[in-house]
Amino acid sequence: MAVTTSVCLTPFGDWLQDVSGFTRNHYDRIGHLMQGFGPAIIARELLLARRR
């Protein structure tokens, strides 16, 4: 089965592009942000729980 859409052609990416007025779809940047931000929050919570 083939994929018919790419990461750039997502409804959320299109909506974000329309709302922000960007000429480029920045959906991939949101993904990269969450790939770094999510694990950082988890690591912080684990470190704080270890200190207690």
PDB file of N, CA and C in Angstrom:
ATOM      1  N   MET A   1       0.838  -1.160   0.000  1.00  0.00           N
ATOM      2  CA  MET A   1       0.000   0.000   0.000  1.00  0.00           C
ATOM      3  C   MET A   1       0.896   1.241   0.000  1.00  0.00           C
ATOM      4  N   ALA A   2       0.607   2.159  -0.848  1.00  0.00           N
ATOM      5  CA  ALA A   2       1.407   3.377  -0.972  1.00  0.00           C
ATOM      6  C   ALA A   2       0.817   4.496  -0.121  1.00  0.00           C
ATOM      7  N   VAL A   3       1.676   5.347   0.349  1.00  0.00           N
ATOM      8  CA  VAL A   3       1.239   6.513   1.111  1.00  0.00           C
ATOM      9  C   VAL A   3       0.881   7.610   0.118  1.00  0.00           C
ATOM     10  N   THR A   4      -0.275   8.223   0.321  1.00  0.00           N
ATOM     11  CA  THR A   4      -0.729   9.242  -0.630  1.00  0.00           C
ATOM     12  C   THR A   4      -0.403  10.655  -0.191  1.00  0.00           C
ATOM     13  N   THR A   5      -0.023  10.839   1.060  1.00  0.00           N
ATOM     14  CA  THR A   5       0.349  12.175   1.517  1.00  0.00           C
ATOM     15  C   THR A   5       1.748  12.129   2.106  1.00  0.00           C
ATOM     16  N   SER A   6       2.362  13.262   2.174  1.00  0.00           N
ATOM     17  CA  SER A   6       3.671  13.357   2.802  1.00  0.00           C
ATOM     18  C   SER A   6       3.537  14.152   4.095  1.00  0.00           C
ATOM     19  N   VAL A   7       4.618  14.291   4.782  1.00  0.00           N
ATOM     20  CA  VAL A   7       4.601  15.031   6.043  1.00  0.00           C
ATOM     21  C   VAL A   7       4.172  16.477   5.807  1.00  0.00           C
ATOM     22  N   CYS A   8       4.568  17.044   4.710  1.00  0.00           N
ATOM     23  CA  CYS A   8       4.247  18.449   4.437  1.00  0.00           C
ATOM     24  C   CYS A   8       2.791  18.656   4.044  1.00  0.00           C
ATOM     25  N   LEU A   9       2.133  17.618   3.579  1.00  0.00           N
ATOM     26  CA  LEU A   9       0.760  17.754   3.105  1.00  0.00           C
ATOM     27  C   LEU A   9      -0.237  17.250   4.138  1.00  0.00           C
ATOM     28  N   THR A  10      -0.171  17.768   5.332  1.00  0.00           N
ATOM     29  CA  THR A  10      -1.085  17.383   6.395  1.00  0.00           C
ATOM     30  C   THR A  10      -2.077  18.507   6.650  1.00  0.00           C
ATOM     31  N   PRO A  11      -3.284  18.178   7.085  1.00  0.00           N
ATOM     32  CA  PRO A  11      -4.270  19.235   7.361  1.00  0.00           C
ATOM     33  C   PRO A  11      -3.796  20.226   8.421  1.00  0.00           C
ATOM     34  N   PHE A  12      -3.135  19.726   9.474  1.00  0.00           N
ATOM     35  CA  PHE A  12      -2.656  20.649  10.509  1.00  0.00           C
ATOM     36  C   PHE A  12      -1.584  21.572   9.949  1.00  0.00           C
ATOM     37  N   GLY A  13      -0.691  21.036   9.127  1.00  0.00           N
ATOM     38  CA  GLY A  13       0.347  21.862   8.524  1.00  0.00           C
ATOM     39  C   GLY A  13      -0.231  22.927   7.607  1.00  0.00           C
ATOM     40  N   ASP A  14      -1.259  22.548   6.852  1.00  0.00           N
ATOM     41  CA  ASP A  14      -1.914  23.518   5.977  1.00  0.00           C
ATOM     42  C   ASP A  14      -2.614  24.599   6.788  1.00  0.00           C
ATOM     43  N   TRP A  15      -3.283  24.189   7.874  1.00  0.00           N
ATOM     44  CA  TRP A  15      -3.971  25.156   8.722  1.00  0.00           C
ATOM     45  C   TRP A  15      -2.970  26.124   9.347  1.00  0.00           C
ATOM     46  N   LEU A  16      -1.856  25.585   9.845  1.00  0.00           N
ATOM     47  CA  LEU A  16      -0.836  26.430  10.465  1.00  0.00           C
ATOM     48  C   LEU A  16      -0.257  27.417   9.452  1.00  0.00           C
ATOM     49  N   GLN A  17      -0.077  26.963   8.248  1.00  0.00           N
ATOM     50  CA  GLN A  17       0.448  27.836   7.197  1.00  0.00           C
ATOM     51  C   GLN A  17      -0.545  28.959   6.893  1.00  0.00           C
ATOM     52  N   ASP A  18      -1.831  28.642   6.847  1.00  0.00           N
ATOM     53  CA  ASP A  18      -2.850  29.661   6.572  1.00  0.00           C
ATOM     54  C   ASP A  18      -2.962  30.667   7.713  1.00  0.00           C
ATOM     55  N   VAL A  19      -2.928  30.180   8.945  1.00  0.00           N
ATOM     56  CA  VAL A  19      -3.091  31.057  10.110  1.00  0.00           C
ATOM     57  C   VAL A  19      -1.881  31.967  10.292  1.00  0.00           C
ATOM     58  N   SER A  20      -0.690  31.411  10.119  1.00  0.00           N
ATOM     59  CA  SER A  20       0.522  32.182  10.386  1.00  0.00           C
ATOM     60  C   SER A  20       0.940  33.067   9.220  1.00  0.00           C
ATOM     61  N   GLY A  21       0.472  32.760   8.030  1.00  0.00           N
ATOM     62  CA  GLY A  21       0.840  33.564   6.874  1.00  0.00           C
ATOM     63  C   GLY A  21       2.184  33.199   6.275  1.00  0.00           C
ATOM     64  N   PHE A  22       2.777  32.075   6.712  1.00  0.00           N
ATOM     65  CA  PHE A  22       4.050  31.637   6.150  1.00  0.00           C
ATOM     66  C   PHE A  22       3.856  31.163   4.720  1.00  0.00           C
ATOM     67  N   THR A  23       4.880  31.320   3.918  1.00  0.00           N
ATOM     68  CA  THR A  23       4.814  30.806   2.551  1.00  0.00           C
ATOM     69  C   THR A  23       5.230  29.346   2.505  1.00  0.00           C
ATOM     70  N   ARG A  24       5.873  28.879   3.563  1.00  0.00           N
ATOM     71  CA  ARG A  24       6.325  27.492   3.635  1.00  0.00           C
ATOM     72  C   ARG A  24       5.595  26.790   4.768  1.00  0.00           C
ATOM     73  N   ASN A  25       5.291  25.516   4.584  1.00  0.00           N
ATOM     74  CA  ASN A  25       4.636  24.728   5.615  1.00  0.00           C
ATOM     75  C   ASN A  25       5.684  24.302   6.633  1.00  0.00           C
ATOM     76  N   HIS A  26       5.530  24.734   7.876  1.00  0.00           N
ATOM     77  CA  HIS A  26       6.513  24.460   8.923  1.00  0.00           C
ATOM     78  C   HIS A  26       6.099  23.287   9.813  1.00  0.00           C
ATOM     79  N   TYR A  27       5.306  22.367   9.284  1.00  0.00           N
ATOM     80  CA  TYR A  27       4.846  21.230  10.068  1.00  0.00           C
ATOM     81  C   TYR A  27       6.010  20.375  10.551  1.00  0.00           C
ATOM     82  N   ASP A  28       7.036  20.220   9.737  1.00  0.00           N
ATOM     83  CA  ASP A  28       8.181  19.399  10.135  1.00  0.00           C
ATOM     84  C   ASP A  28       8.913  20.001  11.329  1.00  0.00           C
ATOM     85  N   ARG A  29       8.914  21.308  11.447  1.00  0.00           N
ATOM     86  CA  ARG A  29       9.566  21.952  12.589  1.00  0.00           C
ATOM     87  C   ARG A  29       8.838  21.647  13.890  1.00  0.00           C
ATOM     88  N   ILE A  30       7.526  21.526  13.832  1.00  0.00           N
ATOM     89  CA  ILE A  30       6.753  21.161  15.022  1.00  0.00           C
ATOM     90  C   ILE A  30       7.144  19.755  15.464  1.00  0.00           C
ATOM     91  N   GLY A  31       7.288  18.853  14.500  1.00  0.00           N
ATOM     92  CA  GLY A  31       7.700  17.488  14.816  1.00  0.00           C
ATOM     93  C   GLY A  31       9.076  17.441  15.449  1.00  0.00           C
ATOM     94  N   HIS A  32      10.012  18.203  14.912  1.00  0.00           N
ATOM     95  CA  HIS A  32      11.362  18.224  15.471  1.00  0.00           C
ATOM     96  C   HIS A  32      11.370  18.839  16.871  1.00  0.00           C
ATOM     97  N   LEU A  33      10.562  19.853  17.084  1.00  0.00           N
ATOM     98  CA  LEU A  33      10.460  20.466  18.407  1.00  0.00           C
ATOM     99  C   LEU A  33       9.955  19.454  19.426  1.00  0.00           C
ATOM    100  N   MET A  34       8.922  18.705  19.061  1.00  0.00           N
ATOM    101  CA  MET A  34       8.355  17.736  19.989  1.00  0.00           C
ATOM    102  C   MET A  34       9.288  16.555  20.228  1.00  0.00           C
ATOM    103  N   GLN A  35      10.106  16.204  19.255  1.00  0.00           N
ATOM    104  CA  GLN A  35      11.068  15.119  19.447  1.00  0.00           C
ATOM    105  C   GLN A  35      12.143  15.504  20.457  1.00  0.00           C
ATOM    106  N   GLY A  36      12.407  16.775  20.611  1.00  0.00           N
ATOM    107  CA  GLY A  36      13.376  17.215  21.601  1.00  0.00           C
ATOM    108  C   GLY A  36      12.724  17.612  22.914  1.00  0.00           C
ATOM    109  N   PHE A  37      11.573  18.243  22.832  1.00  0.00           N
ATOM    110  CA  PHE A  37      10.896  18.768  24.019  1.00  0.00           C
ATOM    111  C   PHE A  37      10.277  17.652  24.851  1.00  0.00           C
ATOM    112  N   GLY A  38       9.662  16.687  24.216  1.00  0.00           N
ATOM    113  CA  GLY A  38       9.017  15.587  24.932  1.00  0.00           C
ATOM    114  C   GLY A  38       9.985  14.808  25.807  1.00  0.00           C
ATOM    115  N   PRO A  39      11.070  14.275  25.252  1.00  0.00           N
ATOM    116  CA  PRO A  39      12.037  13.551  26.083  1.00  0.00           C
ATOM    117  C   PRO A  39      12.678  14.421  27.167  1.00  0.00           C
ATOM    118  N   ALA A  40      12.858  15.698  26.909  1.00  0.00           N
ATOM    119  CA  ALA A  40      13.440  16.584  27.920  1.00  0.00           C
ATOM    120  C   ALA A  40      12.510  16.715  29.122  1.00  0.00           C
ATOM    121  N   ILE A  41      11.221  16.814  28.890  1.00  0.00           N
ATOM    122  CA  ILE A  41      10.257  16.901  29.985  1.00  0.00           C
ATOM    123  C   ILE A  41      10.230  15.598  30.773  1.00  0.00           C
ATOM    124  N   ILE A  42      10.261  14.461  30.069  1.00  0.00           N
ATOM    125  CA  ILE A  42      10.272  13.164  30.747  1.00  0.00           C
ATOM    126  C   ILE A  42      11.532  13.019  31.598  1.00  0.00           C
ATOM    127  N   ALA A  43      12.678  13.389  31.044  1.00  0.00           N
ATOM    128  CA  ALA A  43      13.936  13.304  31.795  1.00  0.00           C
ATOM    129  C   ALA A  43      13.897  14.202  33.025  1.00  0.00           C
ATOM    130  N   ARG A  44      13.341  15.380  32.889  1.00  0.00           N
ATOM    131  CA  ARG A  44      13.223  16.302  34.024  1.00  0.00           C
ATOM    132  C   ARG A  44      12.372  15.693  35.125  1.00  0.00           C
ATOM    133  N   GLU A  45      11.232  15.119  34.745  1.00  0.00           N
ATOM    134  CA  GLU A  45      10.348  14.515  35.736  1.00  0.00           C
ATOM    135  C   GLU A  45      11.017  13.333  36.429  1.00  0.00           C
ATOM    136  N   LEU A  46      11.760  12.528  35.686  1.00  0.00           N
ATOM    137  CA  LEU A  46      12.456  11.395  36.290  1.00  0.00           C
ATOM    138  C   LEU A  46      13.543  11.866  37.259  1.00  0.00           C
ATOM    139  N   LEU A  47      14.257  12.895  36.881  1.00  0.00           N
ATOM    140  CA  LEU A  47      15.294  13.424  37.770  1.00  0.00           C
ATOM    141  C   LEU A  47      14.708  14.048  39.028  1.00  0.00           C
ATOM    142  N   LEU A  48      13.605  14.755  38.880  1.00  0.00           N
ATOM    143  CA  LEU A  48      12.950  15.344  40.053  1.00  0.00           C
ATOM    144  C   LEU A  48      12.382  14.266  40.967  1.00  0.00           C
ATOM    145  N   ALA A  49      11.848  13.209  40.393  1.00  0.00           N
ATOM    146  CA  ALA A  49      11.302  12.117  41.214  1.00  0.00           C
ATOM    147  C   ALA A  49      12.421  11.381  41.951  1.00  0.00           C
ATOM    148  N   ARG A  50      13.569  11.289  41.364  1.00  0.00           N
ATOM    149  CA  ARG A  50      14.696  10.613  42.007  1.00  0.00           C
ATOM    150  C   ARG A  50      15.208  11.416  43.206  1.00  0.00           C
ATOM    151  N   ARG A  51      15.108  12.748  43.152  1.00  0.00           N
ATOM    152  CA  ARG A  51      15.600  13.604  44.236  1.00  0.00           C
ATOM    153  C   ARG A  51      14.722  13.510  45.484  1.00  0.00           C
ATOM    154  N   ARG A  52      13.472  13.104  45.319  1.00  0.00           N
ATOM    155  CA  ARG A  52      12.533  13.078  46.464  1.00  0.00           C
ATOM    156  C   ARG A  52      12.766  11.923  47.363  1.00  0.00           C
TER     157      ARG A  52
END
